[in-house]
All heavy atoms as atom14 arrays in JSON, in Angstrom:
{
  "sequence": "DAWSLPDLAPAAELALTELLANVVRHVPD",
  "atom14_mask": [
    [1, 1, 1, 1, 1, 1, 1, 1, 0, 0, 0, 0, 0, 0],
    [1, 1, 1, 1, 1, 0, 0, 0, 0, 0, 0, 0, 0, 0],
    [1, 1, 1, 1, 1, 1, 1, 1, 1, 1, 1, 1, 1, 1],
    [1, 1, 1, 1, 1, 1, 0, 0, 0, 0, 0, 0, 0, 0],
    [1, 1, 1, 1, 1, 1, 1, 1, 0, 0, 0, 0, 0, 0],
    [1, 1, 1, 1, 1, 1, 1, 0, 0, 0, 0, 0, 0, 0],
    [1, 1, 1, 1, 1, 1, 1, 1, 0, 0, 0, 0, 0, 0],
    [1, 1, 1, 1, 1, 1, 1, 1, 0, 0, 0, 0, 0, 0],
    [1, 1, 1, 1, 1, 0, 0, 0, 0, 0, 0, 0, 0, 0],
    [1, 1, 1, 1, 1, 1, 1, 0, 0, 0, 0, 0, 0, 0],
    [1, 1, 1, 1, 1, 0, 0, 0, 0, 0, 0, 0, 0, 0],
    [1, 1, 1, 1, 1, 0, 0, 0, 0, 0, 0, 0, 0, 0],
    [1, 1, 1, 1, 1, 1, 1, 1, 1, 0, 0, 0, 0, 0],
    [1, 1, 1, 1, 1, 1, 1, 1, 0, 0, 0, 0, 0, 0],
    [1, 1, 1, 1, 1, 0, 0, 0, 0, 0, 0, 0, 0, 0],
    [1, 1, 1, 1, 1, 1, 1, 1, 0, 0, 0, 0, 0, 0],
    [1, 1, 1, 1, 1, 1, 1, 0, 0, 0, 0, 0, 0, 0],
    [1, 1, 1, 1, 1, 1, 1, 1, 1, 0, 0, 0, 0, 0],
    [1, 1, 1, 1, 1, 1, 1, 1, 0, 0, 0, 0, 0, 0],
    [1, 1, 1, 1, 1, 1, 1, 1, 0, 0, 0, 0, 0, 0],
    [1, 1, 1, 1, 1, 0, 0, 0, 0, 0, 0, 0, 0, 0],
    [1, 1, 1, 1, 1, 1, 1, 1, 0, 0, 0, 0, 0, 0],
    [1, 1, 1, 1, 1, 1, 1, 0, 0, 0, 0, 0, 0, 0],
    [1, 1, 1, 1, 1, 1, 1, 0, 0, 0, 0, 0, 0, 0],
    [1, 1, 1, 1, 1, 1, 1, 1, 1, 1, 1, 0, 0, 0],
    [1, 1, 1, 1, 1, 1, 1, 1, 1, 1, 0, 0, 0, 0],
    [1, 1, 1, 1, 1, 1, 1, 0, 0, 0, 0, 0, 0, 0],
    [1, 1, 1, 1, 1, 1, 1, 0, 0, 0, 0, 0, 0, 0],
    [1, 1, 1, 1, 1, 1, 1, 1, 0, 0, 0, 0, 0, 0]
  ],
  "atom14_positions": [
    [[0.83, -1.21, 0.0], [0.0, 0.0, 0.0], [0.87, 1.26, 0.0], [0.63, 2.19, -0.76], [-0.93, 0.02, 1.22], [-2.09, -0.95, 1.12], [-2.36, -1.44, 0.0], [-2.7, -1.24, 2.15], [0.0, 0.0, 0.0], [0.0, 0.0, 0.0], [0.0, 0.0, 0.0], [0.0, 0.0, 0.0], [0.0, 0.0, 0.0], [0.0, 0.0, 0.0]],
    [[1.89, 1.28, 0.85], [2.76, 2.44, 0.94], [3.55, 2.66, -0.35], [3.88, 3.79, -0.69], [3.73, 2.29, 2.12], [0.0, 0.0, 0.0], [0.0, 0.0, 0.0], [0.0, 0.0, 0.0], [0.0, 0.0, 0.0], [0.0, 0.0, 0.0], [0.0, 0.0, 0.0], [0.0, 0.0, 0.0], [0.0, 0.0, 0.0], [0.0, 0.0, 0.0]],
    [[3.84, 1.57, -1.07], [4.57, 1.66, -2.33], [3.64, 1.9, -3.52], [4.06, 1.83, -4.66], [5.36, 0.39, -2.57], [6.48, 0.14, -1.61], [7.16, 1.06, -0.87], [7.05, -1.13, -1.29], [8.12, 0.44, -0.12], [8.08, -0.91, -0.36], [6.78, -2.44, -1.7], [8.85, -1.94, 0.17], [7.56, -3.46, -1.18], [8.58, -3.2, -0.25]],
    [[2.37, 2.12, -3.26], [1.35, 2.31, -4.31], [1.24, 1.09, -5.22], [1.04, 1.21, -6.43], [1.64, 3.57, -5.13], [1.63, 4.7, -4.28], [0.0, 0.0, 0.0], [0.0, 0.0, 0.0], [0.0, 0.0, 0.0], [0.0, 0.0, 0.0], [0.0, 0.0, 0.0], [0.0, 0.0, 0.0], [0.0, 0.0, 0.0], [0.0, 0.0, 0.0]],
    [[1.36, -0.1, -4.63], [1.22, -1.36, -5.36], [0.16, -2.26, -4.72], [0.35, -3.48, -4.62], [2.57, -2.1, -5.4], [3.72, -1.41, -6.11], [5.03, -2.14, -5.84], [3.46, -1.3, -7.59], [0.0, 0.0, 0.0], [0.0, 0.0, 0.0], [0.0, 0.0, 0.0], [0.0, 0.0, 0.0], [0.0, 0.0, 0.0], [0.0, 0.0, 0.0]],
    [[-0.97, -1.72, -4.27], [-1.94, -2.55, -3.55], [-2.55, -3.65, -4.41], [-3.01, -4.66, -3.87], [-3.01, -1.55, -3.1], [-2.94, -0.46, -4.12], [-1.47, -0.36, -4.47], [0.0, 0.0, 0.0], [0.0, 0.0, 0.0], [0.0, 0.0, 0.0], [0.0, 0.0, 0.0], [0.0, 0.0, 0.0], [0.0, 0.0, 0.0], [0.0, 0.0, 0.0]],
    [[-2.54, -3.48, -5.73], [-3.11, -4.49, -6.61], [-2.3, -5.78, -6.61], [-2.8, -6.83, -7.01], [-3.25, -3.94, -8.04], [-1.97, -3.27, -8.54], [-1.39, -2.46, -7.79], [-1.56, -3.56, -9.67], [0.0, 0.0, 0.0], [0.0, 0.0, 0.0], [0.0, 0.0, 0.0], [0.0, 0.0, 0.0], [0.0, 0.0, 0.0], [0.0, 0.0, 0.0]],
    [[-1.07, -5.74, -6.13], [-0.24, -6.95, -6.06], [-0.47, -7.74, -4.78], [-0.02, -8.88, -4.66], [1.24, -6.58, -6.16], [1.69, -5.87, -7.43], [3.19, -5.58, -7.38], [1.34, -6.68, -8.67], [0.0, 0.0, 0.0], [0.0, 0.0, 0.0], [0.0, 0.0, 0.0], [0.0, 0.0, 0.0], [0.0, 0.0, 0.0], [0.0, 0.0, 0.0]],
    [[-1.17, -7.15, -3.82], [-1.34, -7.78, -2.51], [-1.98, -9.16, -2.54], [-1.46, -10.07, -1.9], [-2.1, -6.85, -1.57], [0.0, 0.0, 0.0], [0.0, 0.0, 0.0], [0.0, 0.0, 0.0], [0.0, 0.0, 0.0], [0.0, 0.0, 0.0], [0.0, 0.0, 0.0], [0.0, 0.0, 0.0], [0.0, 0.0, 0.0], [0.0, 0.0, 0.0]],
    [[-3.09, -9.39, -3.24], [-3.68, -10.73, -3.18], [-2.73, -11.84, -3.62], [-2.58, -12.85, -2.93], [-4.89, -10.63, -4.12], [-5.25, -9.17, -4.11], [-3.93, -8.45, -4.01], [0.0, 0.0, 0.0], [0.0, 0.0, 0.0], [0.0, 0.0, 0.0], [0.0, 0.0, 0.0], [0.0, 0.0, 0.0], [0.0, 0.0, 0.0], [0.0, 0.0, 0.0]],
    [[-2.05, -11.64, -4.72], [-1.12, -12.67, -5.22], [0.09, -12.8, -4.3], [0.5, -13.91, -3.94], [-0.68, -12.34, -6.64], [0.0, 0.0, 0.0], [0.0, 0.0, 0.0], [0.0, 0.0, 0.0], [0.0, 0.0, 0.0], [0.0, 0.0, 0.0], [0.0, 0.0, 0.0], [0.0, 0.0, 0.0], [0.0, 0.0, 0.0], [0.0, 0.0, 0.0]],
    [[0.67, -11.68, -3.91], [1.87, -11.71, -3.07], [1.57, -12.31, -1.7], [2.37, -13.09, -1.16], [2.45, -10.31, -2.93], [0.0, 0.0, 0.0], [0.0, 0.0, 0.0], [0.0, 0.0, 0.0], [0.0, 0.0, 0.0], [0.0, 0.0, 0.0], [0.0, 0.0, 0.0], [0.0, 0.0, 0.0], [0.0, 0.0, 0.0], [0.0, 0.0, 0.0]],
    [[0.43, -11.98, -1.12], [0.07, -12.53, 0.18], [-0.15, -14.04, 0.12], [0.27, -14.78, 1.01], [-1.18, -11.85, 0.72], [-0.95, -10.42, 1.15], [-2.22, -9.77, 1.66], [-3.0, -10.43, 2.38], [-2.44, -8.59, 1.33], [0.0, 0.0, 0.0], [0.0, 0.0, 0.0], [0.0, 0.0, 0.0], [0.0, 0.0, 0.0], [0.0, 0.0, 0.0]],
    [[-0.82, -14.51, -0.93], [-1.04, -15.95, -1.07], [0.28, -16.68, -1.24], [0.53, -17.7, -0.59], [-1.96, -16.24, -2.26], [-2.22, -17.72, -2.56], [-2.84, -18.43, -1.36], [-3.12, -17.86, -3.78], [0.0, 0.0, 0.0], [0.0, 0.0, 0.0], [0.0, 0.0, 0.0], [0.0, 0.0, 0.0], [0.0, 0.0, 0.0], [0.0, 0.0, 0.0]],
    [[1.15, -16.17, -2.09], [2.45, -16.82, -2.31], [3.29, -16.81, -1.04], [3.92, -17.81, -0.69], [3.18, -16.13, -3.46], [0.0, 0.0, 0.0], [0.0, 0.0, 0.0], [0.0, 0.0, 0.0], [0.0, 0.0, 0.0], [0.0, 0.0, 0.0], [0.0, 0.0, 0.0], [0.0, 0.0, 0.0], [0.0, 0.0, 0.0], [0.0, 0.0, 0.0]],
    [[3.29, -15.69, -0.31], [4.03, -15.62, 0.95], [3.51, -16.66, 1.94], [4.29, -17.36, 2.6], [3.91, -14.22, 1.55], [4.53, -14.04, 2.95], [6.02, -14.31, 2.93], [4.22, -12.64, 3.47], [0.0, 0.0, 0.0], [0.0, 0.0, 0.0], [0.0, 0.0, 0.0], [0.0, 0.0, 0.0], [0.0, 0.0, 0.0], [0.0, 0.0, 0.0]],
    [[2.21, -16.79, 2.04], [1.61, -17.78, 2.94], [2.08, -19.19, 2.61], [2.41, -19.97, 3.5], [0.06, -17.71, 2.86], [-0.34, -16.39, 3.23], [-0.6, -18.73, 3.76], [0.0, 0.0, 0.0], [0.0, 0.0, 0.0], [0.0, 0.0, 0.0], [0.0, 0.0, 0.0], [0.0, 0.0, 0.0], [0.0, 0.0, 0.0], [0.0, 0.0, 0.0]],
    [[2.14, -19.51, 1.33], [2.57, -20.85, 0.91], [4.04, -21.1, 1.26], [4.39, -22.18, 1.73], [2.33, -21.06, -0.58], [0.87, -21.1, -0.96], [0.08, -22.19, -0.23], [0.66, -23.25, 0.09], [-1.11, -21.96, 0.05], [0.0, 0.0, 0.0], [0.0, 0.0, 0.0], [0.0, 0.0, 0.0], [0.0, 0.0, 0.0], [0.0, 0.0, 0.0]],
    [[4.89, -20.1, 1.05], [6.31, -20.29, 1.38], [6.51, -20.45, 2.88], [7.31, -21.27, 3.33], [7.14, -19.13, 0.85], [7.16, -18.93, -0.66], [8.21, -17.89, -1.05], [7.4, -20.22, -1.41], [0.0, 0.0, 0.0], [0.0, 0.0, 0.0], [0.0, 0.0, 0.0], [0.0, 0.0, 0.0], [0.0, 0.0, 0.0], [0.0, 0.0, 0.0]],
    [[5.77, -19.68, 3.68], [5.88, -19.81, 5.13], [5.32, -21.15, 5.62], [5.86, -21.75, 6.55], [5.18, -18.64, 5.82], [5.85, -17.28, 5.59], [4.98, -16.17, 6.16], [7.26, -17.24, 6.16], [0.0, 0.0, 0.0], [0.0, 0.0, 0.0], [0.0, 0.0, 0.0], [0.0, 0.0, 0.0], [0.0, 0.0, 0.0], [0.0, 0.0, 0.0]],
    [[4.27, -21.61, 4.98], [3.71, -22.93, 5.35], [4.74, -24.03, 5.09], [4.83, -25.0, 5.86], [2.43, -23.2, 4.56], [0.0, 0.0, 0.0], [0.0, 0.0, 0.0], [0.0, 0.0, 0.0], [0.0, 0.0, 0.0], [0.0, 0.0, 0.0], [0.0, 0.0, 0.0], [0.0, 0.0, 0.0], [0.0, 0.0, 0.0], [0.0, 0.0, 0.0]],
    [[5.52, -23.89, 4.03], [6.58, -24.87, 3.76], [7.65, -24.86, 4.85], [8.17, -25.91, 5.22], [7.21, -24.62, 2.39], [6.34, -25.12, 1.26], [5.4, -25.88, 1.46], [6.64, -24.68, 0.06], [0.0, 0.0, 0.0], [0.0, 0.0, 0.0], [0.0, 0.0, 0.0], [0.0, 0.0, 0.0], [0.0, 0.0, 0.0], [0.0, 0.0, 0.0]],
    [[7.97, -23.68, 5.37], [8.93, -23.6, 6.47], [8.36, -24.3, 7.7], [9.03, -25.11, 8.34], [9.31, -22.13, 6.79], [10.16, -22.06, 8.06], [10.05, -21.51, 5.61], [0.0, 0.0, 0.0], [0.0, 0.0, 0.0], [0.0, 0.0, 0.0], [0.0, 0.0, 0.0], [0.0, 0.0, 0.0], [0.0, 0.0, 0.0], [0.0, 0.0, 0.0]],
    [[7.12, -24.01, 8.03], [6.49, -24.62, 9.2], [6.46, -26.15, 9.06], [6.76, -26.88, 10.01], [5.06, -24.07, 9.41], [4.29, -24.88, 10.44], [5.11, -22.6, 9.81], [0.0, 0.0, 0.0], [0.0, 0.0, 0.0], [0.0, 0.0, 0.0], [0.0, 0.0, 0.0], [0.0, 0.0, 0.0], [0.0, 0.0, 0.0], [0.0, 0.0, 0.0]],
    [[6.16, -26.61, 7.88], [6.0, -28.05, 7.67], [7.32, -28.79, 7.48], [7.45, -29.93, 7.93], [5.11, -28.29, 6.44], [4.91, -29.77, 6.14], [3.95, -29.98, 5.03], [2.61, -29.95, 5.64], [1.51, -30.18, 4.99], [1.54, -30.44, 3.71], [0.36, -30.15, 5.6], [0.0, 0.0, 0.0], [0.0, 0.0, 0.0], [0.0, 0.0, 0.0]],
    [[8.3, -28.18, 6.83], [9.49, -28.94, 6.41], [10.81, -28.54, 7.05], [11.81, -29.24, 6.86], [9.64, -28.84, 4.88], [8.47, -29.36, 4.13], [8.14, -30.7, 4.11], [7.53, -28.73, 3.39], [7.06, -30.88, 3.37], [6.65, -29.69, 2.94], [0.0, 0.0, 0.0], [0.0, 0.0, 0.0], [0.0, 0.0, 0.0], [0.0, 0.0, 0.0]],
    [[10.88, -27.43, 7.78], [12.14, -27.0, 8.4], [12.05, -27.31, 9.89], [11.21, -26.73, 10.59], [12.39, -25.49, 8.15], [13.66, -25.04, 8.85], [12.46, -25.21, 6.65], [0.0, 0.0, 0.0], [0.0, 0.0, 0.0], [0.0, 0.0, 0.0], [0.0, 0.0, 0.0], [0.0, 0.0, 0.0], [0.0, 0.0, 0.0], [0.0, 0.0, 0.0]],
    [[12.91, -28.21, 10.38], [12.78, -28.66, 11.77], [12.76, -27.54, 12.82], [11.94, -27.57, 13.73], [14.0, -29.57, 11.96], [14.31, -30.06, 10.59], [13.97, -28.92, 9.67], [0.0, 0.0, 0.0], [0.0, 0.0, 0.0], [0.0, 0.0, 0.0], [0.0, 0.0, 0.0], [0.0, 0.0, 0.0], [0.0, 0.0, 0.0], [0.0, 0.0, 0.0]],
    [[13.64, -26.53, 12.7], [13.66, -25.49, 13.72], [12.74, -24.31, 13.38], [12.61, -23.38, 14.18], [15.08, -24.99, 13.98], [15.73, -24.35, 12.76], [15.06, -24.19, 11.71], [16.92, -24.0, 12.85], [0.0, 0.0, 0.0], [0.0, 0.0, 0.0], [0.0, 0.0, 0.0], [0.0, 0.0, 0.0], [0.0, 0.0, 0.0], [0.0, 0.0, 0.0]]
  ]
}
């Protein structure tokens, strides 16, 4: 929003969620 790119938020947020889910699921620490 601050960078005037709010239209990228839905895609970027979904992709970020998936990458973090992989850390939770597959990285021991």
